[in-house]
Amino acid sequence: MAAFIPNARRPRQFRRVSRQTDDLYNEELRRHYRFGSENLDRLEDLIGDRLQHGTNRNFSLTARQQIPIALRLFASGFFLQLIGDIFGVDIATVSRTITRVTDVLFSLKDEYIRFSTTDDERRTVQQGFYKIRHFPGVFGCIDGTHVRIISPPKDQEAAYINRKQYHSIDVQATCNYRGMYTVVSHNGCLLFYKGFPMGF
């Protein structure tokens, strides 16, 4: 008869993480992740090296497994537990992965999110918009949305309740004719910006 050890740790067990994107068509990819297969490959090429773990201990996730986990949250706003169930990983792994991918993407903001700063760049953007809808003199499209957040501390709560009575921050973004962000701000504070003042 085996001896019972009350405080013995059970060995950790890991479910194999399936490559959720492999069997989906482009339309399904866009619906689930807001990215097509080409853009997923491009994103992996761009940040994959930075997402690699230094060791394979504990069956660490590859970049190709980490990126869809984060994108699923960005695209859907699902609870972490649900995303963990979809990908077959623990909720703590989902949380760490989303933080990791977000930090890597944020570190690239100044390189990829910037406003047109030269006359040539502005002229190119204006021509791009004109070709799309024959609307002259446009060098940016602007829109805003509310991003749901966890309830802040009581003393700050009132500032984060929107007109629909849930907690959020309002985010305003500007993009060029190719749909690439040039400025992103929230509650009047610039998050991503490179170029001349916009006067928000």
Protein backbone atom coordinates (compact mmCIF):
# COMPACT_ATOMS: atom_id res chain seq x y z
CA MET A 1 0.00 0.00 0.00
CA ALA A 2 1.40 3.41 -1.00
CA ALA A 3 2.15 5.87 1.76
CA PHE A 4 0.01 9.03 1.80
CA ILE A 5 2.01 12.26 1.91
CA PRO A 6 -0.43 15.12 2.67
CA ASN A 7 1.62 18.05 1.32
CA ALA A 8 3.23 16.35 -1.68
CA ARG A 9 2.96 18.45 -4.83
CA ARG A 10 1.30 16.82 -7.77
CA PRO A 11 3.42 16.93 -10.94
CA ARG A 12 2.28 19.69 -13.31
CA GLN A 13 0.46 18.46 -16.36
CA PHE A 14 0.25 20.39 -19.60
CA ARG A 15 -2.24 19.98 -22.35
CA ARG A 16 -0.85 20.25 -25.84
CA VAL A 17 -1.57 23.69 -27.27
CA SER A 18 -3.19 23.26 -30.66
CA ARG A 19 -2.32 25.63 -33.46
CA GLN A 20 -5.79 27.12 -33.67
CA THR A 21 -5.02 29.03 -36.86
CA ASP A 22 -3.87 26.11 -39.00
CA ASP A 23 -7.28 24.82 -40.09
CA LEU A 24 -9.13 28.10 -40.43
CA TYR A 25 -9.84 29.90 -43.66
CA ASN A 26 -8.93 33.57 -44.01
CA GLU A 27 -12.50 34.69 -43.35
CA GLU A 28 -12.63 32.70 -40.12
CA LEU A 29 -9.22 34.01 -39.11
CA ARG A 30 -10.44 37.57 -39.55
CA ARG A 31 -13.58 36.83 -37.54
CA HIS A 32 -11.68 35.24 -34.64
CA TYR A 33 -8.43 37.24 -34.66
CA ARG A 34 -9.03 40.27 -36.94
CA PHE A 35 -5.98 39.14 -38.95
CA GLY A 36 -5.65 37.07 -42.12
CA SER A 37 -3.03 34.33 -42.48
CA GLU A 38 -0.58 36.61 -44.31
CA ASN A 39 -0.72 39.21 -41.55
CA LEU A 40 -0.37 36.55 -38.85
CA ASP A 41 2.80 35.33 -40.61
CA ARG A 42 4.04 38.91 -40.89
CA LEU A 43 3.36 39.54 -37.20
CA GLU A 44 5.23 36.36 -36.28
CA ASP A 45 8.20 37.44 -38.42
CA LEU A 46 8.12 40.86 -36.77
CA ILE A 47 7.94 39.89 -33.09
CA GLY A 48 8.56 36.13 -33.01
CA ASP A 49 12.20 36.41 -31.91
CA ARG A 50 11.25 38.62 -28.97
CA LEU A 51 8.61 36.13 -27.80
CA GLN A 52 10.88 33.09 -27.75
CA HIS A 53 11.59 31.77 -24.27
CA GLY A 54 15.19 31.13 -23.33
CA THR A 55 14.40 27.52 -22.44
CA ASN A 56 12.00 24.75 -23.42
CA ARG A 57 11.50 23.87 -19.77
CA ASN A 58 7.84 23.31 -18.86
CA PHE A 59 6.88 23.10 -22.54
CA SER A 60 6.98 26.87 -23.06
CA LEU A 61 4.76 28.26 -25.79
CA THR A 62 6.17 29.15 -29.19
CA ALA A 63 5.65 32.59 -30.70
CA ARG A 64 3.10 31.06 -33.10
CA GLN A 65 1.11 29.86 -30.09
CA GLN A 66 1.44 33.08 -28.06
CA ILE A 67 0.35 35.52 -30.76
CA PRO A 68 -3.15 34.02 -31.39
CA ILE A 69 -3.82 33.84 -27.64
CA ALA A 70 -3.25 37.60 -27.34
CA LEU A 71 -5.07 38.41 -30.57
CA ARG A 72 -8.11 36.41 -29.44
CA LEU A 73 -8.41 38.65 -26.38
CA PHE A 74 -7.83 41.83 -28.40
CA ALA A 75 -10.45 40.82 -30.98
CA SER A 76 -13.12 39.42 -28.67
CA GLY A 77 -12.64 40.67 -25.11
CA PHE A 78 -13.34 37.12 -23.86
CA PHE A 79 -12.55 36.17 -20.26
CA LEU A 80 -9.08 34.72 -19.78
CA GLN A 81 -10.56 31.42 -18.61
CA LEU A 82 -12.49 31.04 -21.86
CA ILE A 83 -9.40 31.81 -23.95
CA GLY A 84 -7.48 29.26 -21.89
CA ASP A 85 -10.16 26.66 -22.63
CA ILE A 86 -10.02 27.44 -26.35
CA PHE A 87 -6.24 27.00 -26.52
CA GLY A 88 -5.91 24.30 -23.88
CA VAL A 89 -3.73 26.28 -21.47
CA ASP A 90 -4.06 27.47 -17.88
CA ILE A 91 -5.52 30.90 -17.12
CA ALA A 92 -2.17 32.03 -15.63
CA THR A 93 -0.44 31.12 -18.88
CA VAL A 94 -3.02 33.15 -20.83
CA SER A 95 -2.44 36.16 -18.57
CA ARG A 96 1.36 35.99 -18.86
CA THR A 97 1.17 35.47 -22.62
CA ILE A 98 -1.12 38.45 -23.20
CA THR A 99 1.13 40.67 -21.08
CA ARG A 100 4.22 39.45 -22.93
CA VAL A 101 2.77 39.99 -26.43
CA THR A 102 1.31 43.38 -25.47
CA ASP A 103 4.66 44.58 -24.07
CA VAL A 104 6.50 43.50 -27.23
CA LEU A 105 3.96 45.23 -29.50
CA PHE A 106 4.05 48.38 -27.36
CA SER A 107 7.85 48.49 -27.61
CA LEU A 108 7.49 48.89 -31.40
CA LYS A 109 5.03 51.79 -31.26
CA ASP A 110 7.45 54.57 -32.20
CA GLU A 111 8.67 52.62 -35.20
CA TYR A 112 5.25 51.83 -36.68
CA ILE A 113 2.77 54.41 -35.33
CA ARG A 114 3.64 57.90 -36.46
CA PHE A 115 1.99 60.86 -38.07
CA SER A 116 3.13 62.23 -41.43
CA THR A 117 5.86 64.75 -40.70
CA THR A 118 7.08 65.90 -44.12
CA ASP A 119 5.28 67.56 -47.02
CA ASP A 120 6.04 64.54 -49.24
CA GLU A 121 4.49 62.12 -46.73
CA ARG A 122 1.37 64.29 -46.33
CA ARG A 123 1.01 64.60 -50.10
CA THR A 124 1.27 60.80 -50.50
CA VAL A 125 -1.43 60.27 -47.84
CA GLN A 126 -3.72 62.88 -49.41
CA GLN A 127 -3.33 61.24 -52.82
CA GLY A 128 -4.06 57.84 -51.27
CA PHE A 129 -7.33 59.07 -49.74
CA TYR A 130 -8.27 60.85 -52.96
CA LYS A 131 -7.85 57.61 -54.96
CA ILE A 132 -10.19 55.79 -52.59
CA ARG A 133 -13.16 58.23 -52.48
CA HIS A 134 -12.13 61.35 -54.47
CA PHE A 135 -12.17 63.39 -51.27
CA PRO A 136 -9.48 66.11 -51.49
CA GLY A 137 -7.15 67.35 -48.74
CA VAL A 138 -7.54 64.41 -46.29
CA PHE A 139 -4.46 63.15 -44.46
CA GLY A 140 -6.10 61.18 -41.65
CA CYS A 141 -9.29 59.42 -40.54
CA ILE A 142 -10.26 59.76 -36.89
CA ASP A 143 -12.59 57.68 -34.73
CA GLY A 144 -13.10 56.73 -31.11
CA THR A 145 -14.38 53.85 -29.01
CA HIS A 146 -14.84 52.83 -25.39
CA VAL A 147 -12.61 50.03 -24.08
CA ARG A 148 -14.14 48.18 -21.14
CA ILE A 149 -11.92 48.05 -18.03
CA ILE A 150 -12.04 46.49 -14.57
CA SER A 151 -13.63 48.81 -12.02
CA PRO A 152 -11.02 51.26 -10.67
CA PRO A 153 -10.70 52.21 -6.96
CA LYS A 154 -13.80 53.90 -5.49
CA ASP A 155 -12.19 57.37 -5.29
CA GLN A 156 -11.53 57.32 -9.09
CA GLU A 157 -14.55 55.33 -10.21
CA ALA A 158 -16.77 58.22 -11.31
CA ALA A 159 -14.24 59.36 -13.94
CA TYR A 160 -14.43 55.98 -15.70
CA ILE A 161 -18.20 55.38 -15.93
CA ASN A 162 -19.41 56.08 -19.46
CA ARG A 163 -22.88 57.04 -20.70
CA LYS A 164 -23.82 53.36 -20.98
CA GLN A 165 -23.05 52.97 -17.27
CA TYR A 166 -20.04 50.64 -17.44
CA HIS A 167 -16.37 51.29 -16.69
CA SER A 168 -14.24 52.16 -19.69
CA ILE A 169 -11.56 54.40 -21.11
CA ASP A 170 -12.29 56.25 -24.32
CA VAL A 171 -9.69 55.75 -27.01
CA GLN A 172 -9.30 57.96 -30.05
CA ALA A 173 -7.26 56.87 -33.07
CA THR A 174 -6.19 58.36 -36.37
CA CYS A 175 -5.14 56.27 -39.37
CA ASN A 176 -3.88 56.87 -42.89
CA TYR A 177 -5.37 55.68 -46.20
CA ARG A 178 -3.79 52.23 -45.73
CA GLY A 179 -5.56 51.77 -42.38
CA MET A 180 -2.32 52.11 -40.39
CA TYR A 181 -2.53 53.96 -37.07
CA THR A 182 -0.74 57.29 -36.94
CA VAL A 183 -1.93 58.57 -33.54
CA VAL A 184 -3.64 56.79 -30.63
CA SER A 185 -4.77 58.63 -27.50
CA HIS A 186 -7.01 57.93 -24.51
CA ASN A 187 -8.80 60.40 -22.25
CA GLY A 188 -6.83 63.22 -23.86
CA CYS A 189 -3.40 61.63 -23.24
CA LEU A 190 -1.34 60.59 -26.25
CA LEU A 191 -0.39 56.91 -26.10
CA PHE A 192 1.32 56.52 -29.46
CA TYR A 193 2.48 59.57 -31.30
CA LYS A 194 5.28 60.72 -33.51
CA GLY A 195 4.99 63.90 -35.52
CA PHE A 196 3.62 67.41 -35.23
CA PRO A 197 1.02 68.40 -32.57
CA MET A 198 -2.58 67.42 -33.23
CA GLY A 199 -4.22 69.59 -30.57
CA PHE A 200 -6.41 66.92 -28.97
